[in-house]
Amino acid sequence: MTESSIKFLIGGNSDCQVLQNAKMSNRHGLITGATGTGKTITLQTLAESFSKNGVPVFLADVKGDISGLAKPAKPHAKVEERIKTINIKNYQARAFPAVFWDFYGNKGHPLRTTVSEIGPLLWSSLLELNDTQTGVLYACFKVADENGWLLLDLKDLRSMLIWIGDNTAELKSEYGNISKSSLGAIQRKLIVLEEQDAELFLGEPSINLDDLIHNDFSGNGIINIFDASKIIQQSPRLYATFLLWLLSELFENLPEVGDLEKPKFVLFFDEAHLLFDDAPKVLVDKIEQVVRLIRSKGVGIYFVTQSPLDVPEKILGQLGLKIQHALRAFTPKDKKTVKIVAETFPENPNIDTEKCITELGIGEALVSVLNEKGQPTPVERILIRPPESRIGPMSDDERAEHIKRSPYSGRYDVEVDRESAYEILKKRAENNELARENEAQAKEQEKLRAAKEKKEAKSRQTSRGQKTRSPSRGRKRQSATESFFKSAARAIGSQLGRSIIRGVLGSISKK
């Protein structure tokens, strides 16, 4: 059966070929193996097969070396040899339709979501909050929701925490005691997260899921390549949070479709152990629930990690396709791991699974798939088929040219900062401050007015007192001499008076 049919080739050997039933591909899968054993090539070949069958793909490129999917493979002697060994009849070097995404916007379109869309559960895991702090964060989201304040980016979340801290007394009756210490702890962890470039991931325009689940004009599924090479070094917990957010968004928004002939969408999560390392039990339980139920939405999830033991047992039991590359057994612990891994595969009487795991070469794997009844097939030791696209990354110039020609060019490149909690609370704080200033000015003016009125009233009272006072009141009694001289002055105008004055003065002067 050819790859273009409902089944596609995973690999084979000189005796058999192993085909994956497209109808069973929403039963999820697991690709494991030590570093350098060929997991990335296996991921690449599976992504190609899904794309050729019209299934859109999202994959995380943690090493930055999967971008070659957008370019055709180059001839190579080892590739030709493997084609002959597996007996591939329709191998054709070709490029696959790919769209590149990147938190930083350097190696792809900026990929963003909002604080609200992530939700308090994932935020509490991302910030590693305790139960009390998680409760405070839930209250923060609830208050924002009830007031219609959008939480889009980090400054919105910080503003909400500050506002809650200023209004804890008013909120206590409805939301319980919100301690300043818990608010402070959350704010400090947000600062650490900001130092890890988390603000680049938060904001608008937020990614539209429909832009990920898309086919090209030929009917091939678009392969969305998320460059995680930098963020996984900078903030592995943010990388894991993003993948879990994407999974939960798909689960919440996609309609039920039941069992289709092929998946509607497939995701590959590389470095999958980061999803579960130190994750709280409530989050692991949530992941397990989503993985169990999301297949009814037509979504397949493929975890890529070093060991099956990196995945919780409940989730591991739900993974239909299992591809195991080589593991190394240098220590007693390694040997114990190999033994446990071997026991996860259905037995094949012709294969010593435990022994084979340590003997596998590069690009070789132990594989078990689900048959048409959904039953695991006996394990087979095979060579993974060679990719039809280029092995290795595109050059920077090639990638830049590809991004330039992307159908989403310009759609996500310019960040939008609309009014949200930060702007609303900032405006409210400014209005409150202005109101306080106006009130203080009004009080000061009232004080000055009162003082002025008091002064004027006192002045009026003084004036009235002076007008009603008796003319002689308070006047000194005149002396006899003063009276004499005043009378004399009045008499000067007359001749007799002048004569008297001369006489008197003369008599005085003679004395």
Protein backbone atom coordinates (compact mmCIF):
# COMPACT_ATOMS: atom_id res chain seq x y z
CA MET A 1 0.00 0.00 0.00
CA THR A 2 1.41 3.43 -0.93
CA GLU A 3 2.03 6.40 1.35
CA SER A 4 -0.60 8.47 -0.42
CA SER A 5 -3.34 6.11 0.82
CA ILE A 6 -4.92 5.91 4.25
CA LYS A 7 -1.75 4.26 5.59
CA PHE A 8 1.71 5.73 5.44
CA LEU A 9 5.15 4.24 5.82
CA ILE A 10 7.13 4.66 9.03
CA GLY A 11 9.98 2.39 8.01
CA GLY A 12 10.95 -1.21 7.54
CA ASN A 13 13.70 -3.73 6.89
CA SER A 14 14.47 -6.28 4.25
CA ASP A 15 11.62 -8.49 5.48
CA CYS A 16 8.76 -6.12 6.32
CA GLN A 17 7.40 -2.61 6.31
CA VAL A 18 5.60 -0.89 9.20
CA LEU A 19 2.68 1.32 8.20
CA GLN A 20 0.75 3.77 10.35
CA ASN A 21 -3.01 3.71 9.94
CA ALA A 22 -4.12 7.33 9.49
CA LYS A 23 -7.42 6.56 11.20
CA MET A 24 -5.56 5.56 14.36
CA SER A 25 -3.28 8.59 14.33
CA ASN A 26 -5.47 10.54 16.74
CA ARG A 27 -4.62 7.87 19.35
CA HIS A 28 -1.43 9.80 19.87
CA GLY A 29 2.15 8.55 19.96
CA LEU A 30 5.58 8.59 21.55
CA ILE A 31 9.06 8.96 20.06
CA THR A 32 11.88 8.23 22.51
CA GLY A 33 15.60 7.61 22.49
CA ALA A 34 18.94 8.93 23.65
CA THR A 35 20.46 12.08 22.17
CA GLY A 36 21.79 11.55 18.66
CA THR A 37 19.85 8.37 17.89
CA GLY A 38 17.54 9.84 15.24
CA LYS A 39 14.43 11.15 17.01
CA THR A 40 14.45 14.40 15.03
CA ILE A 41 14.55 12.57 11.68
CA THR A 42 11.68 10.36 12.80
CA LEU A 43 9.67 13.43 13.75
CA GLN A 44 10.46 14.94 10.35
CA THR A 45 9.32 11.88 8.39
CA LEU A 46 6.07 11.63 10.35
CA ALA A 47 5.35 15.34 9.79
CA GLU A 48 5.92 14.83 6.06
CA SER A 49 3.54 11.87 5.94
CA PHE A 50 0.78 13.76 7.70
CA SER A 51 1.25 16.79 5.45
CA LYS A 52 1.06 14.68 2.28
CA ASN A 53 -2.19 13.20 3.54
CA GLY A 54 -3.72 16.64 4.09
CA VAL A 55 -3.21 16.82 7.87
CA PRO A 56 -1.86 20.15 9.23
CA VAL A 57 0.99 19.79 11.70
CA PHE A 58 2.43 21.85 14.56
CA LEU A 59 5.88 20.91 15.79
CA ALA A 60 8.36 22.44 18.20
CA ASP A 61 11.88 22.76 16.82
CA VAL A 62 14.01 22.77 19.95
CA LYS A 63 17.38 22.44 18.21
CA GLY A 64 16.64 24.67 15.24
CA ASP A 65 17.32 21.94 12.69
CA ILE A 66 13.89 21.02 11.29
CA SER A 67 13.46 24.04 9.01
CA GLY A 68 14.82 21.92 6.15
CA LEU A 69 11.25 20.60 5.81
CA ALA A 70 10.62 23.57 3.51
CA LYS A 71 13.37 22.48 1.09
CA PRO A 72 13.74 19.26 -0.97
CA ALA A 73 16.22 16.58 0.10
CA LYS A 74 19.61 16.39 -1.57
CA PRO A 75 20.85 13.13 -3.13
CA HIS A 76 22.95 11.03 -0.76
CA ALA A 77 24.40 7.55 -1.03
CA LYS A 78 23.13 6.49 2.40
CA VAL A 79 19.64 7.68 1.55
CA GLU A 80 19.68 5.63 -1.65
CA GLU A 81 20.88 2.59 0.26
CA ARG A 82 18.08 2.89 2.83
CA ILE A 83 15.47 3.36 0.12
CA LYS A 84 16.55 0.07 -1.40
CA THR A 85 16.71 -1.76 1.96
CA ILE A 86 13.19 -0.70 2.92
CA ASN A 87 11.98 -1.19 -0.64
CA ILE A 88 10.40 2.26 -1.03
CA LYS A 89 8.77 2.54 -4.45
CA ASN A 90 7.57 6.14 -4.55
CA TYR A 91 10.31 8.15 -2.85
CA GLN A 92 10.52 11.68 -4.26
CA ALA A 93 12.63 14.55 -2.95
CA ARG A 94 10.32 17.49 -2.30
CA ALA A 95 9.70 20.57 -0.19
CA PHE A 96 6.73 20.78 2.17
CA PRO A 97 4.53 23.80 2.88
CA ALA A 98 5.79 25.35 6.10
CA VAL A 99 5.05 28.41 8.21
CA PHE A 100 7.62 29.56 10.77
CA TRP A 101 6.78 30.93 14.22
CA ASP A 102 9.00 32.41 16.91
CA PHE A 103 8.42 34.13 20.27
CA TYR A 104 11.10 36.67 19.37
CA GLY A 105 9.85 37.31 15.83
CA ASN A 106 13.32 36.68 14.40
CA LYS A 107 12.98 33.21 12.90
CA GLY A 108 9.27 33.33 12.20
CA HIS A 109 6.09 35.25 12.77
CA PRO A 110 5.66 36.48 16.35
CA LEU A 111 3.62 34.01 18.33
CA ARG A 112 1.56 35.54 21.14
CA THR A 113 -1.33 34.88 23.43
CA THR A 114 -2.82 36.85 26.32
CA VAL A 115 -2.61 36.55 30.09
CA SER A 116 -6.34 35.76 30.26
CA GLU A 117 -6.14 33.02 27.65
CA ILE A 118 -3.41 31.22 29.58
CA GLY A 119 -5.57 31.25 32.70
CA PRO A 120 -4.76 31.06 36.42
CA LEU A 121 -4.03 27.31 36.51
CA LEU A 122 -1.20 27.48 33.98
CA TRP A 123 0.00 30.75 35.47
CA SER A 124 0.28 29.19 38.91
CA SER A 125 2.36 26.38 37.41
CA LEU A 126 4.50 28.79 35.40
CA LEU A 127 5.20 30.92 38.47
CA GLU A 128 5.56 27.89 40.78
CA LEU A 129 3.04 29.28 43.27
CA ASN A 130 1.92 27.58 46.45
CA ASP A 131 -1.75 26.95 47.21
CA THR A 132 -2.28 30.28 48.99
CA GLN A 133 -0.66 32.27 46.21
CA THR A 134 -2.63 30.31 43.61
CA GLY A 135 -5.85 31.28 45.41
CA VAL A 136 -4.84 34.94 45.28
CA LEU A 137 -4.13 34.65 41.56
CA TYR A 138 -7.55 33.09 40.95
CA ALA A 139 -9.12 36.01 42.83
CA CYS A 140 -7.15 38.43 40.66
CA PHE A 141 -8.52 36.87 37.47
CA LYS A 142 -12.07 36.80 38.87
CA VAL A 143 -12.00 40.47 39.87
CA ALA A 144 -10.69 41.44 36.44
CA ASP A 145 -13.37 39.37 34.74
CA GLU A 146 -16.20 40.80 36.83
CA ASN A 147 -15.09 44.36 36.12
CA GLY A 148 -14.47 43.77 32.42
CA TRP A 149 -10.76 44.60 32.71
CA LEU A 150 -8.81 42.75 30.04
CA LEU A 151 -5.61 40.98 31.09
CA LEU A 152 -3.53 40.98 27.93
CA ASP A 153 0.11 41.36 28.94
CA LEU A 154 2.37 41.40 31.97
CA LYS A 155 1.76 45.03 32.83
CA ASP A 156 -1.96 44.30 33.01
CA LEU A 157 -1.37 41.49 35.49
CA ARG A 158 1.00 43.59 37.58
CA SER A 159 -1.50 46.47 37.64
CA MET A 160 -4.24 44.12 38.85
CA LEU A 161 -2.07 42.81 41.66
CA ILE A 162 -1.22 46.36 42.77
CA TRP A 163 -4.88 47.40 42.67
CA ILE A 164 -5.94 44.36 44.69
CA GLY A 165 -3.24 45.16 47.23
CA ASP A 166 -4.68 48.67 47.60
CA ASN A 167 -8.23 47.37 48.02
CA THR A 168 -7.84 44.24 50.14
CA ALA A 169 -10.23 45.55 52.82
CA GLU A 170 -13.06 46.05 50.33
CA LEU A 171 -12.42 42.66 48.67
CA LYS A 172 -12.10 40.63 51.86
CA SER A 173 -15.82 40.00 52.36
CA GLU A 174 -16.19 38.40 48.91
CA TYR A 175 -12.78 36.89 48.19
CA GLY A 176 -11.43 36.21 51.66
CA ASN A 177 -8.19 37.39 53.14
CA ILE A 178 -5.67 38.46 50.48
CA SER A 179 -2.31 38.86 52.13
CA LYS A 180 0.22 41.46 51.03
CA SER A 181 2.96 38.85 51.33
CA SER A 182 1.29 36.59 48.73
CA LEU A 183 0.82 39.52 46.37
CA GLY A 184 4.46 40.48 46.84
CA ALA A 185 5.63 36.93 46.13
CA ILE A 186 3.65 36.80 42.88
CA GLN A 187 4.99 40.18 41.80
CA ARG A 188 8.58 39.12 42.44
CA LYS A 189 8.10 35.99 40.35
CA LEU A 190 6.64 38.08 37.55
CA ILE A 191 9.82 40.14 37.55
CA VAL A 192 11.88 36.95 37.13
CA LEU A 193 9.59 35.85 34.31
CA GLU A 194 9.96 39.21 32.62
CA GLU A 195 13.73 38.81 32.71
CA GLN A 196 13.21 35.59 30.75
CA ASP A 197 11.51 37.49 27.89
CA ALA A 198 8.02 36.27 28.78
CA GLU A 199 6.54 39.62 27.73
CA LEU A 200 7.37 38.75 24.11
CA PHE A 201 4.88 35.88 24.27
CA LEU A 202 2.12 37.92 25.90
CA GLY A 203 0.02 40.46 24.05
CA GLU A 204 -1.88 40.99 20.84
CA PRO A 205 -2.52 40.11 18.11
CA SER A 206 -2.99 36.70 19.66
CA ILE A 207 -2.49 33.65 17.46
CA ASN A 208 -5.62 32.52 15.65
CA LEU A 209 -5.89 28.73 15.88
CA ASP A 210 -7.44 28.61 12.42
CA ASP A 211 -4.15 29.90 11.03
CA LEU A 212 -2.45 26.76 12.34
CA ILE A 213 -5.02 24.29 11.05
CA HIS A 214 -4.69 25.06 7.38
CA ASN A 215 -3.95 23.40 4.03
CA ASP A 216 -2.19 24.81 0.98
CA PHE A 217 -3.77 25.10 -2.48
CA SER A 218 -2.67 21.53 -3.32
CA GLY A 219 -4.39 20.05 -0.28
CA ASN A 220 -1.17 19.41 1.66
CA GLY A 221 -1.30 20.11 5.37
CA ILE A 222 0.69 23.17 6.43
CA ILE A 223 3.57 22.29 8.76
CA ASN A 224 3.84 24.95 11.46
CA ILE A 225 7.42 25.05 12.76
CA PHE A 226 7.81 26.80 16.10
CA ASP A 227 11.44 27.73 16.71
CA ALA A 228 11.98 26.96 20.40
CA SER A 229 15.77 26.80 20.30
CA LYS A 230 16.21 30.03 22.30
CA ILE A 231 13.21 30.00 24.61
CA ILE A 232 13.91 26.46 25.78
CA GLN A 233 17.31 27.65 27.02
CA GLN A 234 15.99 30.94 28.38
CA SER A 235 12.84 29.66 30.06
CA PRO A 236 11.97 25.96 29.67
CA ARG A 237 8.96 26.40 31.94
CA LEU A 238 7.55 29.10 29.64
CA TYR A 239 8.04 26.74 26.68
CA ALA A 240 6.11 24.02 28.49
CA THR A 241 3.38 26.47 29.49
CA PHE A 242 2.93 27.54 25.89
CA LEU A 243 2.54 23.94 24.69
CA LEU A 244 0.00 23.19 27.41
CA TRP A 245 -1.88 26.38 26.60
CA LEU A 246 -2.03 25.39 22.93
CA LEU A 247 -3.32 21.96 23.87
CA SER A 248 -6.00 23.35 26.17
CA GLU A 249 -7.09 25.97 23.60
CA LEU A 250 -7.55 23.28 20.97
CA PHE A 251 -9.53 21.19 23.41
CA GLU A 252 -11.77 24.10 24.38
CA ASN A 253 -12.40 25.48 20.90
CA LEU A 254 -12.48 22.60 18.43
CA PRO A 255 -15.81 20.83 17.84
CA GLU A 256 -16.40 17.14 18.46
CA VAL A 257 -15.82 15.15 15.26
CA GLY A 258 -15.51 11.55 16.45
CA ASP A 259 -13.26 9.09 14.63
CA LEU A 260 -12.23 10.49 11.26
CA GLU A 261 -10.39 8.74 8.43
CA LYS A 262 -7.42 10.91 9.34
CA PRO A 263 -6.73 13.47 12.08
CA LYS A 264 -7.80 17.05 11.71
CA PHE A 265 -4.58 18.29 13.31
CA VAL A 266 -1.40 16.76 14.74
CA LEU A 267 1.05 18.19 17.28
CA PHE A 268 4.62 17.12 18.08
CA PHE A 269 5.90 18.18 21.50
CA ASP A 270 9.69 17.82 21.66
CA GLU A 271 11.43 17.75 25.06
CA ALA A 272 8.10 16.53 26.42
CA HIS A 273 9.52 15.86 29.87
CA LEU A 274 9.37 19.62 30.47
CA LEU A 275 5.59 19.40 30.43
CA PHE A 276 5.59 17.20 33.50
CA ASP A 277 8.75 18.11 35.46
CA ASP A 278 7.72 19.61 38.81
CA ALA A 279 4.19 20.17 37.51
CA PRO A 280 1.54 20.16 40.28
CA LYS A 281 -0.72 17.13 40.39
CA VAL A 282 -3.78 19.16 39.43
CA LEU A 283 -2.05 20.21 36.20
CA VAL A 284 -0.86 16.69 35.37
CA ASP A 285 -4.41 15.45 35.93
CA LYS A 286 -5.66 18.15 33.58
CA ILE A 287 -3.17 17.13 30.88
CA GLU A 288 -4.15 13.52 31.25
CA GLN A 289 -7.82 14.43 30.84
CA VAL A 290 -7.14 16.53 27.74
CA VAL A 291 -4.99 13.84 26.13
CA ARG A 292 -7.71 11.28 26.76
CA LEU A 293 -10.54 13.39 25.36
CA ILE A 294 -8.96 15.49 22.63
CA ARG A 295 -8.84 12.61 20.16
CA SER A 296 -12.60 13.06 19.77
CA LYS A 297 -11.77 16.52 18.40
CA GLY A 298 -9.66 14.89 15.69
CA VAL A 299 -6.33 15.90 17.25
CA GLY A 300 -3.29 13.65 17.58
CA ILE A 301 -0.49 14.39 20.06
CA TYR A 302 3.02 12.99 19.73
CA PHE A 303 5.45 13.35 22.60
CA VAL A 304 9.18 13.36 21.85
CA THR A 305 11.58 12.76 24.72
CA GLN A 306 14.51 10.60 25.79
CA SER A 307 12.71 7.95 27.84
CA PRO A 308 9.12 6.71 28.09
CA LEU A 309 9.51 7.17 31.85
CA ASP A 310 9.51 10.94 31.27
CA VAL A 311 5.77 10.66 30.61
CA PRO A 312 3.33 9.93 33.47
CA GLU A 313 2.04 6.37 33.41
CA LYS A 314 -1.60 7.33 32.93
CA ILE A 315 -0.72 9.33 29.83
CA LEU A 316 1.76 6.75 28.57
CA GLY A 317 -0.99 4.15 28.53
CA GLN A 318 -3.00 6.27 26.07
CA LEU A 319 -0.28 6.50 23.41
CA GLY A 320 -0.93 4.17 20.49
CA LEU A 321 2.16 4.61 18.28
CA LYS A 322 5.47 3.89 20.02
CA ILE A 323 8.82 4.45 18.36
CA GLN A 324 11.83 3.63 20.52
CA HIS A 325 15.33 4.59 19.40
CA ALA A 326 18.44 3.41 21.20
CA LEU A 327 18.95 3.87 24.92
CA ARG A 328 22.30 3.62 26.65
CA ALA A 329 22.74 1.36 29.67
CA PHE A 330 25.96 2.41 31.38
CA THR A 331 24.70 2.35 34.98
CA PRO A 332 22.45 0.06 37.03
CA LYS A 333 19.78 2.75 36.86
CA ASP A 334 20.06 2.85 33.05
CA LYS A 335 19.70 -0.93 32.86
CA LYS A 336 16.62 -0.82 35.04
CA THR A 337 15.14 1.86 32.76
CA VAL A 338 15.83 -0.27 29.67
CA LYS A 339 14.08 -3.22 31.26
CA ILE A 340 11.00 -1.16 32.13
CA VAL A 341 10.87 0.35 28.63
CA ALA A 342 11.09 -3.07 27.01
CA GLU A 343 8.07 -4.17 29.02
CA THR A 344 5.95 -1.38 27.51
CA PHE A 345 6.09 -3.01 24.05
CA PRO A 346 3.91 -5.92 22.92
CA GLU A 347 6.10 -9.02 22.69
CA ASN A 348 7.48 -10.40 19.45
CA PRO A 349 8.86 -13.94 19.81
CA ASN A 350 11.50 -13.16 17.20
CA ILE A 351 12.90 -10.11 19.00
CA ASP A 352 14.64 -9.72 22.35
CA THR A 353 13.29 -6.23 22.99
CA GLU A 354 15.42 -5.47 26.04
CA LYS A 355 18.61 -6.41 24.24
CA CYS A 356 17.67 -4.62 21.01
CA ILE A 357 17.06 -1.28 22.75
CA THR A 358 20.76 -0.94 23.54
CA GLU A 359 21.91 -2.26 20.13
CA LEU A 360 19.90 -0.02 17.82
CA GLY A 361 21.90 2.10 15.38
CA ILE A 362 21.25 5.70 14.35
CA GLY A 363 17.96 5.93 12.47
CA GLU A 364 16.93 2.47 13.65
CA ALA A 365 14.02 1.89 16.05
CA LEU A 366 11.66 -0.53 17.72
CA VAL A 367 8.12 0.26 16.60
CA SER A 368 4.60 -0.78 17.55
CA VAL A 369 1.49 0.67 15.91
CA LEU A 370 -2.25 0.20 16.32
CA ASN A 371 -4.03 -2.09 13.88
CA GLU A 372 -7.44 -1.27 12.42
CA LYS A 373 -9.11 -2.60 15.57
CA GLY A 374 -7.04 -0.29 17.73
CA GLN A 375 -4.88 -3.11 19.10
CA PRO A 376 -1.09 -2.70 19.49
CA THR A 377 0.90 -4.77 17.01
CA PRO A 378 3.93 -6.83 18.06
CA VAL A 379 7.12 -4.78 18.18
CA GLU A 380 9.28 -4.66 15.05
CA ARG A 381 12.89 -3.60 14.62
CA ILE A 382 13.08 -1.34 11.57
CA LEU A 383 14.98 1.42 9.80
CA ILE A 384 13.09 4.73 9.76
CA ARG A 385 12.38 5.82 6.19
CA PRO A 386 14.51 8.76 4.96
CA PRO A 387 12.87 12.20 4.74
CA GLU A 388 11.91 13.58 1.35
CA SER A 389 12.81 17.06 2.57
CA ARG A 390 16.23 18.38 3.47
CA ILE A 391 17.94 17.04 6.57
CA GLY A 392 19.24 19.98 8.55
CA PRO A 393 18.29 23.65 8.83
CA MET A 394 17.70 26.29 6.19
CA SER A 395 20.18 29.15 5.98
CA ASP A 396 19.19 32.48 7.50
CA ASP A 397 18.69 34.00 4.05
CA GLU A 398 16.53 31.09 2.92
CA ARG A 399 14.41 31.34 6.05
CA ALA A 400 14.03 35.13 5.72
CA GLU A 401 12.90 34.78 2.10
CA HIS A 402 10.44 32.04 3.07
CA ILE A 403 8.96 34.16 5.88
CA LYS A 404 8.63 37.10 3.51
CA ARG A 405 6.49 34.99 1.17
CA SER A 406 4.36 33.57 3.97
CA PRO A 407 0.56 33.98 3.70
CA TYR A 408 0.62 35.47 7.22
CA SER A 409 3.24 38.10 6.46
CA GLY A 410 2.23 41.32 8.20
CA ARG A 411 -0.66 39.77 10.13
CA TYR A 412 1.17 39.25 13.41
CA ASP A 413 4.30 41.34 12.95
CA VAL A 414 3.06 44.60 14.53
CA GLU A 415 2.09 44.40 18.19
CA VAL A 416 -1.21 46.00 19.24
CA ASP A 417 -1.69 47.48 22.71
CA ARG A 418 -5.39 48.27 23.17
CA GLU A 419 -7.00 49.54 26.35
CA SER A 420 -6.85 46.87 29.02
CA ALA A 421 -6.45 46.59 32.80
CA TYR A 422 -3.21 48.59 32.88
CA GLU A 423 -4.63 51.57 30.98
CA ILE A 424 -7.97 51.47 32.84
CA LEU A 425 -6.39 51.29 36.30
CA LYS A 426 -3.77 53.88 35.38
CA LYS A 427 -6.50 56.28 34.24
CA ARG A 428 -8.49 55.53 37.37
CA ALA A 429 -5.45 56.21 39.54
CA GLU A 430 -4.79 59.48 37.69
CA ASN A 431 -8.43 60.52 38.11
CA ASN A 432 -8.30 59.66 41.81
CA GLU A 433 -5.09 61.65 42.21
CA LEU A 434 -6.61 64.59 40.33
CA ALA A 435 -9.72 64.36 42.53
CA ARG A 436 -7.54 64.40 45.65
CA GLU A 437 -5.62 67.41 44.37
CA ASN A 438 -8.85 69.23 43.52
CA GLU A 439 -10.25 68.41 46.95
CA ALA A 440 -7.08 69.66 48.62
CA GLN A 441 -7.19 72.86 46.57
CA ALA A 442 -10.87 73.35 47.39
CA LYS A 443 -10.13 72.93 51.11
CA GLU A 444 -7.24 75.39 50.89
CA GLN A 445 -9.39 77.93 49.04
CA GLU A 446 -12.18 77.47 51.57
CA LYS A 447 -9.66 78.04 54.34
CA LEU A 448 -8.36 81.22 52.70
CA ARG A 449 -11.91 82.44 52.04
CA ALA A 450 -12.89 81.84 55.66
CA ALA A 451 -9.80 83.69 56.87
CA LYS A 452 -10.55 86.61 54.56
CA GLU A 453 -14.15 86.79 55.69
CA LYS A 454 -13.05 86.73 59.29
CA LYS A 455 -10.58 89.55 58.67
CA GLU A 456 -13.17 91.62 56.79
CA ALA A 457 -15.73 91.09 59.54
CA LYS A 458 -13.24 92.27 62.12
CA SER A 459 -12.42 95.32 60.03
CA ARG A 460 -16.09 96.25 59.66
CA GLN A 461 -16.62 95.86 63.37
CA THR A 462 -13.72 98.22 64.07
CA SER A 463 -15.08 100.86 61.66
CA ARG A 464 -18.53 100.83 63.25
CA GLY A 465 -17.00 101.27 66.68
CA GLN A 466 -15.08 104.39 65.63
CA LYS A 467 -18.19 106.09 64.12
CA THR A 468 -20.30 105.76 67.27
CA ARG A 469 -17.60 106.89 69.71
CA SER A 470 -18.25 110.21 71.78
CA PRO A 471 -16.18 113.26 70.54
CA SER A 472 -14.83 114.03 74.04
CA ARG A 473 -14.33 110.45 74.98
CA GLY A 474 -10.74 109.67 75.48
CA ARG A 475 -9.62 113.29 74.77
CA LYS A 476 -7.07 114.82 77.12
CA ARG A 477 -8.16 117.78 79.25
CA GLN A 478 -6.75 121.11 77.92
CA SER A 479 -4.34 123.04 80.18
CA ALA A 480 -5.07 126.69 81.16
CA THR A 481 -2.25 127.96 78.97
CA GLU A 482 -3.48 125.93 75.93
CA SER A 483 -6.97 127.40 76.40
CA PHE A 484 -5.60 130.87 76.72
CA PHE A 485 -3.54 130.69 73.57
CA LYS A 486 -6.42 129.19 71.54
CA SER A 487 -8.71 132.03 72.72
CA ALA A 488 -6.02 134.55 71.93
CA ALA A 489 -5.68 133.14 68.41
CA ARG A 490 -9.37 133.59 67.83
CA ALA A 491 -9.14 137.19 69.10
CA ILE A 492 -6.20 138.20 66.91
CA GLY A 493 -8.52 139.24 64.08
CA SER A 494 -9.87 142.18 66.07
CA GLN A 495 -8.03 145.46 66.97
CA LEU A 496 -8.82 145.10 70.63
CA GLY A 497 -7.58 141.61 70.55
CA ARG A 498 -4.35 142.69 68.96
CA SER A 499 -3.83 145.31 71.61
CA ILE A 500 -4.47 142.89 74.46
CA ILE A 501 -2.08 140.41 72.96
CA ARG A 502 0.66 142.99 72.64
CA GLY A 503 0.11 144.04 76.22
CA VAL A 504 0.13 140.60 77.58
CA LEU A 505 3.15 139.54 75.63
CA GLY A 506 4.92 142.67 76.50
CA SER A 507 4.24 142.18 80.17
CA ILE A 508 5.41 138.59 79.94
CA SER A 509 8.57 139.51 78.09
CA LYS A 510 9.35 142.19 80.70
CA LYS A 511 9.08 139.67 83.41
